[in-house]
Structures are given as C-alpha cells and as structure tokens.
Amino acid sequence: MLVRLDGADTALLHALDAPHAGAVRTGMRVRVRWADRREGAITDIACFEPYDGPVTHEAVPHDGSFPDPVTSLAAPARLEYTYTAGRAQTRYLDGLARREVLGERCPSCRKVYVPPRGACPTCGVATTEPAAPGPRGTVTTFCVVNIKAKGLDIDVPYVYAHIALDGADLALHARIGGIPYDQVRMGMRVEPVWTGDGRHPDHYRPTGEPDADYDTYRRLL
C-alpha cells in the first residue's frame, strides 16, 4: 500500500492491516501501528491500520531556517568488495591460461556464446553446457586504427576485427596481424597466435584458407 503521511509530498510503501481487500479504498485514513521493539529502522512501523478518528494535528510547513544549522558532518565509512569474474568468465579465463577458447551453449536456442555470459541474452536461461568453438574463425567486420595507443607497442596503422570463431554465435574482438592492414577483408579466415606466457591470443593471422562465403557469417555482422 502507498500511504502519504500528513504533511508529506511523497508516498510511503508499507503494509496495511485490513480485514479484507474490499475494506481498502483510495483516500481512506490510516495510522501507524508501531512495533513492540523499535531499532531505528523502517521495521519500527509494524504496519498501518485503518483509522476513522479525527485528525489530531495539522502539519505546518517548515520555513527552512534553523538557529544552529549543521553545515558539515564527518562520519566514518568503509566499503569492502569481493570481486570475482563469475562462474562463466572464470571458466573462460582458466581456459585461456591453457590456450583454449571455451564457450557455453544455450539449452534452449542452442546458440554458443564466447566469451560465455552465464546466461543466454535471447532466451534468458542459464548456459551451463560447455562448448569449444574455433580456434579458427572468420573476419566479419573490421576497422583500421591510425592513432597509436599509449603504452601499446604496435605500429600504426593496424586492424582490429570482429572474428566469428567456428561454431560460435557471437563474434570476438581481436587484432589482426601477419598481413598488411590493407589486405584484411571480410570473410578472411584467421587463427589465433599465442606469444610467450600470454593469457590470451596476441593476435589473429590468416590461415591461407579460401575466404568464407558471406552467407555463413552475415548474421554475426
């Protein structure tokens, strides 16, 4: 029930103790029933109850002036966070550490998501069935980067692309290497390149396969 207290400009959502639903009506007068034990929380109001008695007072608007106004208040505060990648992302990151690209399949529509999201955005159901798409894929769209990023040791221009891994229904975002930037094209077949102890592919390079047919990847554009 929404209750607007006398003198208030907004309503309060709380419980109403009424004998039945037919006894409740818009405009009815109610009063607070206080809890037996109060601790300075909203639960101090046990509920509201119907009230047919007279109004005992009339609220008087405050003029906004105080004899000794509080201008600042110092209060100690502390926030503690426990951050995790979540079940799906943790599995994905652990797979990358083994140089494996892992995804998850929706049990309803059967789409494969990589990186996995933990739930299918289309069907709204949990995705717990593992899938291992790729590792090769197809360039769907791409852009040529002409501005050098701070701290990134890559000569410009270079190419970032959306790559649809074989068997996946979601395109990854990754850099294309091993080929001049002006030779990258839609439909080009690529594979991941791992370097050193990197926890993810450094870039993708052409496989030398024939380009994929447009109809095989157009739904992922």
C-alpha atoms as a PDB file:
ATOM      1  CA  MET A   1       0.000   0.000   0.000  1.00  0.00           C
ATOM      2  CA  LEU A   2       1.139   3.565  -0.723  1.00  0.00           C
ATOM      3  CA  VAL A   3       0.496   5.968   2.148  1.00  0.00           C
ATOM      4  CA  ARG A   4       1.050   9.707   2.040  1.00  0.00           C
ATOM      5  CA  LEU A   5       1.624  10.899   5.569  1.00  0.00           C
ATOM      6  CA  ASP A   6       0.054  14.175   6.622  1.00  0.00           C
ATOM      7  CA  GLY A   7       2.425  16.966   5.672  1.00  0.00           C
ATOM      8  CA  ALA A   8       4.459  14.838   3.247  1.00  0.00           C
ATOM      9  CA  ASP A   9       4.713  15.338  -0.512  1.00  0.00           C
ATOM     10  CA  THR A  10       5.601  11.753  -1.387  1.00  0.00           C
ATOM     11  CA  ALA A  11       4.070   8.387  -0.609  1.00  0.00           C
ATOM     12  CA  LEU A  12       5.462   5.590   1.546  1.00  0.00           C
ATOM     13  CA  LEU A  13       5.171   1.928   0.566  1.00  0.00           C
ATOM     14  CA  HIS A  14       4.252  -0.248   3.537  1.00  0.00           C
ATOM     15  CA  ALA A  15       1.894  -2.955   4.773  1.00  0.00           C
ATOM     16  CA  LEU A  16      -1.754  -2.306   5.723  1.00  0.00           C
ATOM     17  CA  ASP A  17      -3.595  -4.486   8.232  1.00  0.00           C
ATOM     18  CA  ALA A  18      -7.129  -4.583   6.846  1.00  0.00           C
ATOM     19  CA  PRO A  19      -9.805  -7.262   7.380  1.00  0.00           C
ATOM     20  CA  HIS A  20     -10.134  -7.911   3.649  1.00  0.00           C
ATOM     21  CA  ALA A  21      -9.291  -6.371   0.267  1.00  0.00           C
ATOM     22  CA  GLY A  22     -12.757  -4.865  -0.052  1.00  0.00           C
ATOM     23  CA  ALA A  23     -12.120  -2.773   3.041  1.00  0.00           C
ATOM     24  CA  VAL A  24      -9.325  -0.863   1.319  1.00  0.00           C
ATOM     25  CA  ARG A  25     -10.091   2.187  -0.762  1.00  0.00           C
ATOM     26  CA  THR A  26      -8.291   5.184  -2.164  1.00  0.00           C
ATOM     27  CA  GLY A  27      -8.440   8.145   0.202  1.00  0.00           C
ATOM     28  CA  MET A  28      -9.049   6.136   3.362  1.00  0.00           C
ATOM     29  CA  ARG A  29      -7.415   7.402   6.534  1.00  0.00           C
ATOM     30  CA  VAL A  30      -4.819   5.224   8.248  1.00  0.00           C
ATOM     31  CA  ARG A  31      -2.452   5.469  11.177  1.00  0.00           C
ATOM     32  CA  VAL A  32       0.820   3.869  12.204  1.00  0.00           C
ATOM     33  CA  ARG A  33       0.913   0.773  14.338  1.00  0.00           C
ATOM     34  CA  TRP A  34       4.334   0.775  15.967  1.00  0.00           C
ATOM     35  CA  ALA A  35       6.348  -2.380  16.553  1.00  0.00           C
ATOM     36  CA  ASP A  36       6.754  -3.578  20.116  1.00  0.00           C
ATOM     37  CA  ARG A  37      10.504  -3.190  19.796  1.00  0.00           C
ATOM     38  CA  ARG A  38      11.987  -0.325  17.817  1.00  0.00           C
ATOM     39  CA  GLU A  39      15.570  -0.145  16.489  1.00  0.00           C
ATOM     40  CA  GLY A  40      15.584   2.966  14.302  1.00  0.00           C
ATOM     41  CA  ALA A  41      14.635   1.242  11.057  1.00  0.00           C
ATOM     42  CA  ILE A  42      11.618   1.154   8.758  1.00  0.00           C
ATOM     43  CA  THR A  43      10.567  -2.041  10.547  1.00  0.00           C
ATOM     44  CA  ASP A  44       9.765   0.132  13.570  1.00  0.00           C
ATOM     45  CA  ILE A  45       6.479   0.659  11.736  1.00  0.00           C
ATOM     46  CA  ALA A  46       4.852  -2.739  12.121  1.00  0.00           C
ATOM     47  CA  CYS A  47       2.132  -1.742   9.653  1.00  0.00           C
ATOM     48  CA  PHE A  48      -0.602   0.800   9.023  1.00  0.00           C
ATOM     49  CA  GLU A  49      -4.173   0.240  10.125  1.00  0.00           C
ATOM     50  CA  PRO A  50      -7.489   1.876   9.167  1.00  0.00           C
ATOM     51  CA  TYR A  51      -8.340   4.937  11.255  1.00  0.00           C
ATOM     52  CA  ASP A  52     -11.649   6.766  11.367  1.00  0.00           C
ATOM     53  CA  GLY A  53     -10.854   9.158  14.211  1.00  0.00           C
ATOM     54  CA  PRO A  54     -10.317  12.895  13.955  1.00  0.00           C
ATOM     55  CA  VAL A  55      -7.150  14.496  12.684  1.00  0.00           C
ATOM     56  CA  THR A  56      -5.221  15.343  15.838  1.00  0.00           C
ATOM     57  CA  HIS A  57      -2.902  17.912  14.305  1.00  0.00           C
ATOM     58  CA  GLU A  58      -2.249  19.763  11.118  1.00  0.00           C
ATOM     59  CA  ALA A  59       1.197  19.734   9.603  1.00  0.00           C
ATOM     60  CA  VAL A  60       2.853  23.146   9.393  1.00  0.00           C
ATOM     61  CA  PRO A  61       5.441  23.617   6.620  1.00  0.00           C
ATOM     62  CA  HIS A  62       8.929  24.428   7.903  1.00  0.00           C
ATOM     63  CA  ASP A  63      10.397  27.759   6.831  1.00  0.00           C
ATOM     64  CA  GLY A  64      13.848  26.225   6.291  1.00  0.00           C
ATOM     65  CA  SER A  65      15.674  28.261   8.927  1.00  0.00           C
ATOM     66  CA  PHE A  66      17.491  26.753  11.936  1.00  0.00           C
ATOM     67  CA  PRO A  67      19.059  28.519  14.934  1.00  0.00           C
ATOM     68  CA  ASP A  68      22.184  26.327  14.805  1.00  0.00           C
ATOM     69  CA  PRO A  69      22.340  24.739  11.353  1.00  0.00           C
ATOM     70  CA  VAL A  70      24.615  21.775  10.679  1.00  0.00           C
ATOM     71  CA  THR A  71      26.938  22.687   7.812  1.00  0.00           C
ATOM     72  CA  SER A  72      29.053  19.532   7.674  1.00  0.00           C
ATOM     73  CA  LEU A  73      29.142  16.079   9.164  1.00  0.00           C
ATOM     74  CA  ALA A  74      32.124  13.737   9.346  1.00  0.00           C
ATOM     75  CA  ALA A  75      31.134  10.097   9.532  1.00  0.00           C
ATOM     76  CA  PRO A  76      33.418   7.051   9.187  1.00  0.00           C
ATOM     77  CA  ALA A  77      32.592   4.825   6.225  1.00  0.00           C
ATOM     78  CA  ARG A  78      34.092   1.607   4.928  1.00  0.00           C
ATOM     79  CA  LEU A  79      33.326  -0.464   1.864  1.00  0.00           C
ATOM     80  CA  GLU A  80      34.674  -3.947   1.268  1.00  0.00           C
ATOM     81  CA  TYR A  81      34.450  -5.607  -2.153  1.00  0.00           C
ATOM     82  CA  THR A  82      34.996  -9.194  -3.118  1.00  0.00           C
ATOM     83  CA  TYR A  83      35.405  -9.258  -6.883  1.00  0.00           C
ATOM     84  CA  THR A  84      35.102 -12.428  -8.915  1.00  0.00           C
ATOM     85  CA  ALA A  85      34.805 -12.919 -12.633  1.00  0.00           C
ATOM     86  CA  GLY A  86      31.770 -15.150 -12.116  1.00  0.00           C
ATOM     87  CA  ARG A  87      31.362 -18.812 -12.970  1.00  0.00           C
ATOM     88  CA  ALA A  88      31.244 -18.417 -16.743  1.00  0.00           C
ATOM     89  CA  GLN A  89      34.020 -15.854 -17.076  1.00  0.00           C
ATOM     90  CA  THR A  90      36.267 -17.744 -14.634  1.00  0.00           C
ATOM     91  CA  ARG A  91      35.959 -20.882 -16.752  1.00  0.00           C
ATOM     92  CA  TYR A  92      36.716 -18.828 -19.871  1.00  0.00           C
ATOM     93  CA  LEU A  93      39.814 -17.208 -18.322  1.00  0.00           C
ATOM     94  CA  ASP A  94      41.079 -20.528 -16.972  1.00  0.00           C
ATOM     95  CA  GLY A  95      40.731 -21.950 -20.475  1.00  0.00           C
ATOM     96  CA  LEU A  96      42.744 -19.087 -21.966  1.00  0.00           C
ATOM     97  CA  ALA A  97      45.521 -19.852 -19.490  1.00  0.00           C
ATOM     98  CA  ARG A  98      45.688 -23.301 -21.135  1.00  0.00           C
ATOM     99  CA  ARG A  99      45.463 -21.710 -24.600  1.00  0.00           C
ATOM    100  CA  GLU A 100      41.920 -22.944 -25.078  1.00  0.00           C
ATOM    101  CA  VAL A 101      38.945 -20.841 -26.143  1.00  0.00           C
ATOM    102  CA  LEU A 102      35.866 -22.017 -24.247  1.00  0.00           C
ATOM    103  CA  GLY A 103      32.237 -21.028 -24.615  1.00  0.00           C
ATOM    104  CA  GLU A 104      28.802 -22.134 -23.419  1.00  0.00           C
ATOM    105  CA  ARG A 105      25.720 -23.319 -25.284  1.00  0.00           C
ATOM    106  CA  CYS A 106      22.162 -22.190 -24.565  1.00  0.00           C
ATOM    107  CA  PRO A 107      19.977 -25.216 -23.735  1.00  0.00           C
ATOM    108  CA  SER A 108      17.002 -23.574 -25.464  1.00  0.00           C
ATOM    109  CA  CYS A 109      18.111 -21.915 -28.702  1.00  0.00           C
ATOM    110  CA  ARG A 110      21.430 -23.864 -28.872  1.00  0.00           C
ATOM    111  CA  LYS A 111      23.476 -20.761 -29.606  1.00  0.00           C
ATOM    112  CA  VAL A 112      27.112 -20.844 -28.496  1.00  0.00           C
ATOM    113  CA  TYR A 113      28.430 -17.768 -26.717  1.00  0.00           C
ATOM    114  CA  VAL A 114      32.122 -16.987 -26.442  1.00  0.00           C
ATOM    115  CA  PRO A 115      33.162 -15.401 -24.188  1.00  0.00           C
ATOM    116  CA  PRO A 116      30.397 -17.076 -22.152  1.00  0.00           C
ATOM    117  CA  ARG A 117      27.976 -14.790 -20.323  1.00  0.00           C
ATOM    118  CA  GLY A 118      26.467 -17.292 -17.920  1.00  0.00           C
ATOM    119  CA  ALA A 119      23.029 -16.781 -19.453  1.00  0.00           C
ATOM    120  CA  CYS A 120      21.532 -16.536 -22.921  1.00  0.00           C
ATOM    121  CA  PRO A 121      20.541 -12.902 -23.640  1.00  0.00           C
ATOM    122  CA  THR A 122      17.852 -14.118 -26.053  1.00  0.00           C
ATOM    123  CA  CYS A 123      16.183 -16.856 -24.012  1.00  0.00           C
ATOM    124  CA  GLY A 124      17.045 -15.617 -20.524  1.00  0.00           C
ATOM    125  CA  VAL A 125      18.144 -19.055 -19.292  1.00  0.00           C
ATOM    126  CA  ALA A 126      21.416 -20.195 -17.725  1.00  0.00           C
ATOM    127  CA  THR A 127      24.092 -21.513 -20.075  1.00  0.00           C
ATOM    128  CA  THR A 128      25.919 -24.332 -18.327  1.00  0.00           C
ATOM    129  CA  GLU A 129      26.637 -26.682 -21.235  1.00  0.00           C
ATOM    130  CA  PRO A 130      30.321 -26.271 -22.243  1.00  0.00           C
ATOM    131  CA  ALA A 131      31.334 -25.691 -25.840  1.00  0.00           C
ATOM    132  CA  ALA A 132      34.718 -25.351 -27.513  1.00  0.00           C
ATOM    133  CA  PRO A 133      34.396 -23.258 -30.688  1.00  0.00           C
ATOM    134  CA  GLY A 134      37.256 -22.439 -33.014  1.00  0.00           C
ATOM    135  CA  PRO A 135      40.101 -21.982 -32.640  1.00  0.00           C
ATOM    136  CA  ARG A 136      39.900 -20.730 -36.222  1.00  0.00           C
ATOM    137  CA  GLY A 137      37.351 -18.177 -37.324  1.00  0.00           C
ATOM    138  CA  THR A 138      36.194 -15.671 -39.921  1.00  0.00           C
ATOM    139  CA  VAL A 139      36.608 -11.902 -40.035  1.00  0.00           C
ATOM    140  CA  THR A 140      33.106 -10.393 -40.136  1.00  0.00           C
ATOM    141  CA  THR A 141      33.850  -6.662 -39.900  1.00  0.00           C
ATOM    142  CA  PHE A 142      36.971  -4.655 -39.080  1.00  0.00           C
ATOM    143  CA  CYS A 143      38.397  -1.180 -38.643  1.00  0.00           C
ATOM    144  CA  VAL A 144      41.797   0.321 -39.433  1.00  0.00           C
ATOM    145  CA  VAL A 145      43.381   2.072 -36.434  1.00  0.00           C
ATOM    146  CA  ASN A 146      45.552   5.079 -37.315  1.00  0.00           C
ATOM    147  CA  ILE A 147      46.126   6.516 -33.826  1.00  0.00           C
ATOM    148  CA  LYS A 148      48.857   4.942 -31.688  1.00  0.00           C
ATOM    149  CA  ALA A 149      47.623   3.975 -28.251  1.00  0.00           C
ATOM    150  CA  LYS A 150      49.684   4.964 -25.220  1.00  0.00           C
ATOM    151  CA  GLY A 151      51.684   2.050 -23.875  1.00  0.00           C
ATOM    152  CA  LEU A 152      50.840  -0.204 -26.827  1.00  0.00           C
ATOM    153  CA  ASP A 153      53.898  -1.254 -28.827  1.00  0.00           C
ATOM    154  CA  ILE A 154      52.136  -1.719 -32.160  1.00  0.00           C
ATOM    155  CA  ASP A 155      52.927   0.314 -35.241  1.00  0.00           C
ATOM    156  CA  VAL A 156      50.045   2.094 -36.937  1.00  0.00           C
ATOM    157  CA  PRO A 157      48.069   1.543 -38.976  1.00  0.00           C
ATOM    158  CA  TYR A 158      46.800  -1.791 -37.710  1.00  0.00           C
ATOM    159  CA  VAL A 159      43.490  -3.632 -37.829  1.00  0.00           C
ATOM    160  CA  TYR A 160      41.006  -4.662 -35.149  1.00  0.00           C
ATOM    161  CA  ALA A 161      38.292  -7.022 -36.271  1.00  0.00           C
ATOM    162  CA  HIS A 162      35.231  -8.911 -35.174  1.00  0.00           C
ATOM    163  CA  ILE A 163      36.022 -12.597 -35.561  1.00  0.00           C
ATOM    164  CA  ALA A 164      33.334 -15.282 -35.613  1.00  0.00           C
ATOM    165  CA  LEU A 165      35.002 -18.420 -34.318  1.00  0.00           C
ATOM    166  CA  ASP A 166      33.906 -21.646 -35.975  1.00  0.00           C
ATOM    167  CA  GLY A 167      30.885 -22.947 -34.098  1.00  0.00           C
ATOM    168  CA  ALA A 168      30.257 -19.706 -32.164  1.00  0.00           C
ATOM    169  CA  ASP A 169      27.233 -17.405 -32.383  1.00  0.00           C
ATOM    170  CA  LEU A 170      28.988 -14.312 -31.042  1.00  0.00           C
ATOM    171  CA  ALA A 171      31.950 -12.509 -32.627  1.00  0.00           C
ATOM    172  CA  LEU A 172      35.155 -11.779 -30.706  1.00  0.00           C
ATOM    173  CA  HIS A 173      37.073  -8.507 -30.900  1.00  0.00           C
ATOM    174  CA  ALA A 174      40.777  -9.005 -31.689  1.00  0.00           C
ATOM    175  CA  ARG A 175      43.751  -7.595 -33.592  1.00  0.00           C
ATOM    176  CA  ILE A 176      44.743  -8.945 -36.993  1.00  0.00           C
ATOM    177  CA  GLY A 177      48.475  -9.451 -37.634  1.00  0.00           C
ATOM    178  CA  GLY A 178      50.794 -11.192 -40.043  1.00  0.00           C
ATOM    179  CA  ILE A 179      49.341  -9.351 -43.034  1.00  0.00           C
ATOM    180  CA  PRO A 180      49.409  -5.727 -44.280  1.00  0.00           C
ATOM    181  CA  TYR A 181      46.475  -3.746 -42.928  1.00  0.00           C
ATOM    182  CA  ASP A 182      45.127  -3.030 -46.414  1.00  0.00           C
ATOM    183  CA  GLN A 183      44.838  -6.740 -47.196  1.00  0.00           C
ATOM    184  CA  VAL A 184      42.444  -7.548 -44.373  1.00  0.00           C
ATOM    185  CA  ARG A 185      38.973  -8.240 -45.689  1.00  0.00           C
ATOM    186  CA  MET A 186      35.574  -9.521 -44.658  1.00  0.00           C
ATOM    187  CA  GLY A 187      35.357 -13.300 -44.864  1.00  0.00           C
ATOM    188  CA  MET A 188      39.076 -13.824 -44.358  1.00  0.00           C
ATOM    189  CA  ARG A 189      39.862 -16.988 -42.405  1.00  0.00           C
ATOM    190  CA  VAL A 190      42.124 -16.461 -39.372  1.00  0.00           C
ATOM    191  CA  GLU A 191      43.622 -18.359 -36.428  1.00  0.00           C
ATOM    192  CA  PRO A 192      44.936 -17.258 -33.004  1.00  0.00           C
ATOM    193  CA  VAL A 193      48.612 -16.568 -32.310  1.00  0.00           C
ATOM    194  CA  TRP A 194      49.806 -17.028 -28.725  1.00  0.00           C
ATOM    195  CA  THR A 195      53.058 -15.412 -27.591  1.00  0.00           C
ATOM    196  CA  GLY A 196      55.162 -16.073 -24.507  1.00  0.00           C
ATOM    197  CA  ASP A 197      53.123 -16.715 -21.387  1.00  0.00           C
ATOM    198  CA  GLY A 198      50.222 -14.505 -22.531  1.00  0.00           C
ATOM    199  CA  ARG A 199      46.834 -15.399 -21.089  1.00  0.00           C
ATOM    200  CA  HIS A 200      45.051 -14.581 -24.338  1.00  0.00           C
ATOM    201  CA  PRO A 201      45.891 -14.644 -28.049  1.00  0.00           C
ATOM    202  CA  ASP A 202      48.217 -11.804 -29.003  1.00  0.00           C
ATOM    203  CA  HIS A 203      46.527 -11.503 -32.393  1.00  0.00           C
ATOM    204  CA  TYR A 204      44.917 -13.492 -35.190  1.00  0.00           C
ATOM    205  CA  ARG A 205      46.630 -14.229 -38.515  1.00  0.00           C
ATOM    206  CA  PRO A 206      45.414 -15.522 -41.896  1.00  0.00           C
ATOM    207  CA  THR A 207      45.187 -19.304 -42.232  1.00  0.00           C
ATOM    208  CA  GLY A 208      45.594 -19.340 -46.010  1.00  0.00           C
ATOM    209  CA  GLU A 209      42.185 -20.935 -46.461  1.00  0.00           C
ATOM    210  CA  PRO A 210      39.744 -19.613 -49.057  1.00  0.00           C
ATOM    211  CA  ASP A 211      37.553 -16.784 -47.811  1.00  0.00           C
ATOM    212  CA  ALA A 212      34.283 -17.810 -46.150  1.00  0.00           C
ATOM    213  CA  ASP A 213      31.064 -17.277 -48.058  1.00  0.00           C
ATOM    214  CA  TYR A 214      29.192 -14.154 -46.961  1.00  0.00           C
ATOM    215  CA  ASP A 215      26.055 -16.109 -46.080  1.00  0.00           C
ATOM    216  CA  THR A 216      27.988 -18.106 -43.459  1.00  0.00           C
ATOM    217  CA  TYR A 217      28.716 -15.063 -41.276  1.00  0.00           C
ATOM    218  CA  ARG A 218      26.296 -12.285 -42.247  1.00  0.00           C
ATOM    219  CA  ARG A 219      24.069 -12.911 -39.190  1.00  0.00           C
ATOM    220  CA  LEU A 220      27.044 -12.019 -36.973  1.00  0.00           C
ATOM    221  CA  LEU A 221      27.728  -8.621 -38.542  1.00  0.00           C
END
